[in-house]
Amino acid sequence: MDIGLDSNFDFSLDHRNDLPLVRGRAEFEQRLAIRLTSYYTELIGENADLNISALLRLEARRVAEEDDGIDSVQNIIISPDPDAPNTVEVRVIYATGEDFLTTLSE
């Protein structure tokens, strides 16, 4: 269980004027978005010729393996956003066919 954050990773109150909590898949997805955003910013800052997609996929797998409750990740797809520079889309596909999409940018 973790405190739910908004899309800017800031604290915000829910409809009861309380801090929202996230559990299960929502907690995993929030943790994944935070870790990958931080890692992506670090990689962009190195200004090296790196295969960023492969490194982000590896980091996403690490986050999934650390979470005991998430064993249903079937695939992780990292692709550059054709409409925005220095932006990538991360799509996690679960065994149930559902997916989660987050966008990383500098």
N, C-alpha and C. Protein backbone atom coordinates (compact mmCIF):
# COMPACT_ATOMS: atom_id res chain seq x y z
N MET A 1 0.85 -1.17 0.00
CA MET A 1 0.00 0.00 0.00
C MET A 1 0.90 1.23 0.00
N ASP A 2 0.51 2.20 -0.78
CA ASP A 2 1.29 3.41 -0.92
C ASP A 2 0.34 4.60 -1.07
N ILE A 3 0.88 5.79 -0.89
CA ILE A 3 0.09 7.00 -1.08
C ILE A 3 -0.03 7.27 -2.57
N GLY A 4 -1.24 7.51 -3.02
CA GLY A 4 -1.48 7.81 -4.43
C GLY A 4 -1.03 9.22 -4.77
N LEU A 5 -0.38 9.35 -5.91
CA LEU A 5 0.10 10.64 -6.39
C LEU A 5 -0.64 11.02 -7.66
N ASP A 6 -0.65 12.32 -7.97
CA ASP A 6 -1.29 12.75 -9.21
C ASP A 6 -0.34 12.56 -10.38
N SER A 7 -0.72 13.02 -11.56
CA SER A 7 0.09 12.79 -12.76
C SER A 7 1.43 13.52 -12.74
N ASN A 8 1.58 14.50 -11.86
CA ASN A 8 2.85 15.21 -11.70
C ASN A 8 3.67 14.67 -10.53
N PHE A 9 3.23 13.54 -9.99
CA PHE A 9 3.87 12.90 -8.83
C PHE A 9 3.82 13.79 -7.59
N ASP A 10 2.75 14.55 -7.46
CA ASP A 10 2.53 15.40 -6.30
C ASP A 10 1.42 14.80 -5.44
N PHE A 11 1.43 15.16 -4.17
CA PHE A 11 0.35 14.76 -3.27
C PHE A 11 -0.90 15.56 -3.61
N SER A 12 -2.04 14.92 -3.54
CA SER A 12 -3.30 15.63 -3.69
C SER A 12 -4.34 14.90 -2.85
N LEU A 13 -5.35 15.61 -2.46
CA LEU A 13 -6.38 15.02 -1.62
C LEU A 13 -7.47 14.39 -2.48
N ASP A 14 -8.09 13.35 -1.94
CA ASP A 14 -9.17 12.70 -2.68
C ASP A 14 -10.51 13.36 -2.34
N HIS A 15 -11.60 12.75 -2.76
CA HIS A 15 -12.93 13.33 -2.55
C HIS A 15 -13.33 13.43 -1.07
N ARG A 16 -12.61 12.74 -0.18
CA ARG A 16 -12.88 12.83 1.26
C ARG A 16 -11.92 13.77 1.97
N ASN A 17 -11.13 14.53 1.19
CA ASN A 17 -10.09 15.40 1.74
C ASN A 17 -9.07 14.61 2.55
N ASP A 18 -8.71 13.46 2.02
CA ASP A 18 -7.73 12.58 2.64
C ASP A 18 -6.71 12.20 1.58
N LEU A 19 -5.56 11.70 2.02
CA LEU A 19 -4.57 11.22 1.07
C LEU A 19 -5.06 9.89 0.50
N PRO A 20 -5.11 9.76 -0.81
CA PRO A 20 -5.56 8.51 -1.41
C PRO A 20 -4.49 7.43 -1.28
N LEU A 21 -4.91 6.20 -1.19
CA LEU A 21 -3.99 5.07 -1.12
C LEU A 21 -4.14 4.23 -2.38
N VAL A 22 -3.04 3.65 -2.81
CA VAL A 22 -3.08 2.75 -3.96
C VAL A 22 -2.55 1.39 -3.51
N ARG A 23 -3.13 0.35 -4.10
CA ARG A 23 -2.75 -1.02 -3.78
C ARG A 23 -2.70 -1.82 -5.07
N GLY A 24 -2.06 -2.96 -5.01
CA GLY A 24 -2.09 -3.90 -6.12
C GLY A 24 -1.52 -3.34 -7.39
N ARG A 25 -2.26 -3.51 -8.47
CA ARG A 25 -1.79 -3.09 -9.79
C ARG A 25 -1.59 -1.57 -9.86
N ALA A 26 -2.46 -0.79 -9.24
CA ALA A 26 -2.32 0.66 -9.26
C ALA A 26 -1.03 1.09 -8.56
N GLU A 27 -0.69 0.41 -7.48
CA GLU A 27 0.56 0.70 -6.77
C GLU A 27 1.76 0.37 -7.66
N PHE A 28 1.71 -0.79 -8.32
CA PHE A 28 2.79 -1.19 -9.23
C PHE A 28 2.94 -0.18 -10.36
N GLU A 29 1.85 0.23 -10.97
CA GLU A 29 1.90 1.16 -12.08
C GLU A 29 2.44 2.52 -11.65
N GLN A 30 2.07 2.97 -10.46
CA GLN A 30 2.60 4.23 -9.97
C GLN A 30 4.10 4.12 -9.72
N ARG A 31 4.53 3.04 -9.09
CA ARG A 31 5.95 2.84 -8.80
C ARG A 31 6.75 2.74 -10.12
N LEU A 32 6.19 2.04 -11.10
CA LEU A 32 6.84 1.90 -12.40
C LEU A 32 7.00 3.26 -13.07
N ALA A 33 5.96 4.07 -13.09
CA ALA A 33 6.03 5.39 -13.72
C ALA A 33 7.06 6.28 -13.03
N ILE A 34 7.13 6.24 -11.73
CA ILE A 34 8.09 7.07 -10.99
C ILE A 34 9.51 6.62 -11.28
N ARG A 35 9.77 5.32 -11.16
CA ARG A 35 11.12 4.80 -11.38
C ARG A 35 11.59 5.01 -12.81
N LEU A 36 10.72 4.76 -13.79
CA LEU A 36 11.13 4.93 -15.18
C LEU A 36 11.33 6.40 -15.53
N THR A 37 10.52 7.29 -14.98
CA THR A 37 10.70 8.72 -15.23
C THR A 37 12.04 9.18 -14.69
N SER A 38 12.38 8.76 -13.49
CA SER A 38 13.66 9.12 -12.90
C SER A 38 14.82 8.56 -13.70
N TYR A 39 14.72 7.29 -14.09
CA TYR A 39 15.78 6.64 -14.85
C TYR A 39 15.93 7.27 -16.23
N TYR A 40 14.84 7.58 -16.89
CA TYR A 40 14.87 8.21 -18.21
C TYR A 40 15.55 9.57 -18.14
N THR A 41 15.23 10.35 -17.14
CA THR A 41 15.86 11.66 -16.96
C THR A 41 17.36 11.50 -16.77
N GLU A 42 17.75 10.51 -16.02
CA GLU A 42 19.17 10.23 -15.78
C GLU A 42 19.86 9.84 -17.09
N LEU A 43 19.23 8.98 -17.88
CA LEU A 43 19.83 8.54 -19.14
C LEU A 43 19.97 9.69 -20.13
N ILE A 44 18.95 10.53 -20.23
CA ILE A 44 19.00 11.68 -21.13
C ILE A 44 20.12 12.62 -20.70
N GLY A 45 20.30 12.78 -19.38
CA GLY A 45 21.33 13.68 -18.86
C GLY A 45 22.74 13.20 -19.13
N GLU A 46 22.94 11.89 -19.34
CA GLU A 46 24.28 11.37 -19.62
C GLU A 46 24.75 11.75 -21.01
N ASN A 47 23.81 12.05 -21.91
CA ASN A 47 24.12 12.48 -23.26
C ASN A 47 25.08 11.50 -23.95
N ALA A 48 24.84 10.22 -23.76
CA ALA A 48 25.66 9.19 -24.38
C ALA A 48 24.84 8.47 -25.45
N ASP A 49 25.52 7.77 -26.31
CA ASP A 49 24.84 7.01 -27.36
C ASP A 49 24.39 5.67 -26.76
N LEU A 50 23.23 5.68 -26.13
CA LEU A 50 22.72 4.50 -25.44
C LEU A 50 21.46 3.99 -26.13
N ASN A 51 21.21 2.72 -25.94
CA ASN A 51 19.95 2.16 -26.41
C ASN A 51 18.95 2.34 -25.27
N ILE A 52 18.34 3.50 -25.25
CA ILE A 52 17.47 3.88 -24.13
C ILE A 52 16.28 2.93 -24.01
N SER A 53 15.72 2.50 -25.12
CA SER A 53 14.57 1.59 -25.05
C SER A 53 14.91 0.30 -24.33
N ALA A 54 16.05 -0.29 -24.66
CA ALA A 54 16.45 -1.54 -24.01
C ALA A 54 16.72 -1.33 -22.52
N LEU A 55 17.35 -0.21 -22.17
CA LEU A 55 17.63 0.06 -20.76
C LEU A 55 16.35 0.30 -19.97
N LEU A 56 15.40 1.02 -20.56
CA LEU A 56 14.12 1.24 -19.88
C LEU A 56 13.34 -0.06 -19.73
N ARG A 57 13.38 -0.92 -20.74
CA ARG A 57 12.69 -2.21 -20.66
C ARG A 57 13.29 -3.06 -19.53
N LEU A 58 14.61 -3.05 -19.42
CA LEU A 58 15.28 -3.79 -18.35
C LEU A 58 14.88 -3.24 -16.98
N GLU A 59 14.85 -1.94 -16.84
CA GLU A 59 14.45 -1.33 -15.56
C GLU A 59 12.99 -1.65 -15.23
N ALA A 60 12.13 -1.63 -16.24
CA ALA A 60 10.72 -1.98 -16.02
C ALA A 60 10.59 -3.42 -15.56
N ARG A 61 11.36 -4.31 -16.14
CA ARG A 61 11.35 -5.72 -15.71
C ARG A 61 11.79 -5.85 -14.26
N ARG A 62 12.80 -5.07 -13.89
CA ARG A 62 13.28 -5.09 -12.49
C ARG A 62 12.17 -4.67 -11.53
N VAL A 63 11.46 -3.61 -11.88
CA VAL A 63 10.37 -3.13 -11.03
C VAL A 63 9.30 -4.22 -10.91
N ALA A 64 8.98 -4.87 -12.01
CA ALA A 64 7.96 -5.93 -12.00
C ALA A 64 8.41 -7.11 -11.16
N GLU A 65 9.69 -7.47 -11.23
CA GLU A 65 10.20 -8.61 -10.45
C GLU A 65 10.25 -8.31 -8.97
N GLU A 66 10.43 -7.04 -8.61
CA GLU A 66 10.47 -6.65 -7.19
C GLU A 66 9.10 -6.72 -6.53
N ASP A 67 8.05 -6.67 -7.32
CA ASP A 67 6.69 -6.65 -6.80
C ASP A 67 6.14 -8.07 -6.76
N ASP A 68 5.99 -8.61 -5.57
CA ASP A 68 5.51 -9.98 -5.40
C ASP A 68 4.08 -10.16 -5.91
N GLY A 69 3.30 -9.12 -5.88
CA GLY A 69 1.90 -9.23 -6.27
C GLY A 69 1.67 -9.16 -7.77
N ILE A 70 2.69 -8.77 -8.52
CA ILE A 70 2.54 -8.64 -9.97
C ILE A 70 3.34 -9.74 -10.65
N ASP A 71 2.63 -10.74 -11.12
CA ASP A 71 3.28 -11.82 -11.86
C ASP A 71 2.63 -12.00 -13.22
N SER A 72 1.78 -11.08 -13.58
CA SER A 72 1.02 -11.23 -14.81
C SER A 72 1.49 -10.31 -15.93
N VAL A 73 2.71 -9.74 -15.83
CA VAL A 73 3.21 -8.89 -16.91
C VAL A 73 3.66 -9.79 -18.05
N GLN A 74 3.02 -9.63 -19.18
CA GLN A 74 3.33 -10.45 -20.34
C GLN A 74 4.37 -9.79 -21.23
N ASN A 75 4.27 -8.47 -21.42
CA ASN A 75 5.19 -7.79 -22.31
C ASN A 75 5.32 -6.33 -21.90
N ILE A 76 6.49 -5.76 -22.19
CA ILE A 76 6.74 -4.34 -21.97
C ILE A 76 7.25 -3.78 -23.28
N ILE A 77 6.55 -2.79 -23.81
CA ILE A 77 6.92 -2.20 -25.09
C ILE A 77 7.33 -0.76 -24.86
N ILE A 78 8.54 -0.43 -25.31
CA ILE A 78 9.05 0.94 -25.21
C ILE A 78 9.18 1.46 -26.63
N SER A 79 8.54 2.58 -26.93
CA SER A 79 8.62 3.13 -28.29
C SER A 79 8.70 4.65 -28.23
N PRO A 80 9.50 5.24 -29.12
CA PRO A 80 9.57 6.70 -29.16
C PRO A 80 8.24 7.29 -29.64
N ASP A 81 7.90 8.42 -29.10
CA ASP A 81 6.70 9.13 -29.53
C ASP A 81 7.05 9.90 -30.80
N PRO A 82 6.41 9.58 -31.92
CA PRO A 82 6.78 10.23 -33.18
C PRO A 82 6.42 11.72 -33.23
N ASP A 83 5.54 12.15 -32.35
CA ASP A 83 5.08 13.54 -32.39
C ASP A 83 5.81 14.47 -31.42
N ALA A 84 6.60 13.89 -30.50
CA ALA A 84 7.26 14.72 -29.49
C ALA A 84 8.73 14.30 -29.35
N PRO A 85 9.64 15.25 -29.40
CA PRO A 85 11.06 14.91 -29.25
C PRO A 85 11.38 14.51 -27.81
N ASN A 86 12.36 13.62 -27.67
CA ASN A 86 12.81 13.13 -26.35
C ASN A 86 11.66 12.63 -25.49
N THR A 87 10.75 11.92 -26.12
CA THR A 87 9.60 11.37 -25.42
C THR A 87 9.42 9.92 -25.85
N VAL A 88 9.19 9.05 -24.88
CA VAL A 88 8.94 7.64 -25.18
C VAL A 88 7.66 7.20 -24.49
N GLU A 89 7.01 6.23 -25.09
CA GLU A 89 5.82 5.64 -24.50
C GLU A 89 6.19 4.27 -23.95
N VAL A 90 5.71 3.99 -22.76
CA VAL A 90 5.92 2.69 -22.13
C VAL A 90 4.56 2.03 -21.99
N ARG A 91 4.42 0.87 -22.60
CA ARG A 91 3.16 0.11 -22.52
C ARG A 91 3.46 -1.23 -21.85
N VAL A 92 2.76 -1.49 -20.77
CA VAL A 92 2.85 -2.77 -20.07
C VAL A 92 1.60 -3.56 -20.43
N ILE A 93 1.81 -4.75 -20.95
CA ILE A 93 0.69 -5.62 -21.32
C ILE A 93 0.65 -6.77 -20.32
N TYR A 94 -0.51 -6.92 -19.70
CA TYR A 94 -0.71 -7.97 -18.71
C TYR A 94 -1.22 -9.24 -19.38
N ALA A 95 -1.08 -10.36 -18.70
CA ALA A 95 -1.55 -11.64 -19.22
C ALA A 95 -3.05 -11.64 -19.47
N THR A 96 -3.78 -10.79 -18.79
CA THR A 96 -5.23 -10.71 -18.96
C THR A 96 -5.62 -9.95 -20.23
N GLY A 97 -4.64 -9.35 -20.91
CA GLY A 97 -4.91 -8.57 -22.10
C GLY A 97 -5.04 -7.08 -21.82
N GLU A 98 -5.18 -6.70 -20.56
CA GLU A 98 -5.25 -5.29 -20.20
C GLU A 98 -3.86 -4.68 -20.37
N ASP A 99 -3.82 -3.37 -20.47
CA ASP A 99 -2.52 -2.72 -20.57
C ASP A 99 -2.49 -1.43 -19.78
N PHE A 100 -1.27 -0.94 -19.59
CA PHE A 100 -1.02 0.31 -18.88
C PHE A 100 -0.06 1.10 -19.76
N LEU A 101 -0.37 2.37 -19.99
CA LEU A 101 0.46 3.22 -20.83
C LEU A 101 0.87 4.45 -20.04
N THR A 102 2.17 4.75 -20.09
CA THR A 102 2.68 5.98 -19.49
C THR A 102 3.66 6.59 -20.47
N THR A 103 3.78 7.89 -20.44
CA THR A 103 4.68 8.61 -21.33
C THR A 103 5.79 9.24 -20.51
N LEU A 104 7.02 9.09 -20.98
CA LEU A 104 8.18 9.67 -20.32
C LEU A 104 8.75 10.77 -21.20
N SER A 105 9.07 11.90 -20.61
CA SER A 105 9.69 12.99 -21.37
C SER A 105 10.62 13.75 -20.45
N GLU A 106 11.53 14.48 -21.08
CA GLU A 106 12.48 15.24 -20.25
C GLU A 106 11.89 16.56 -19.85
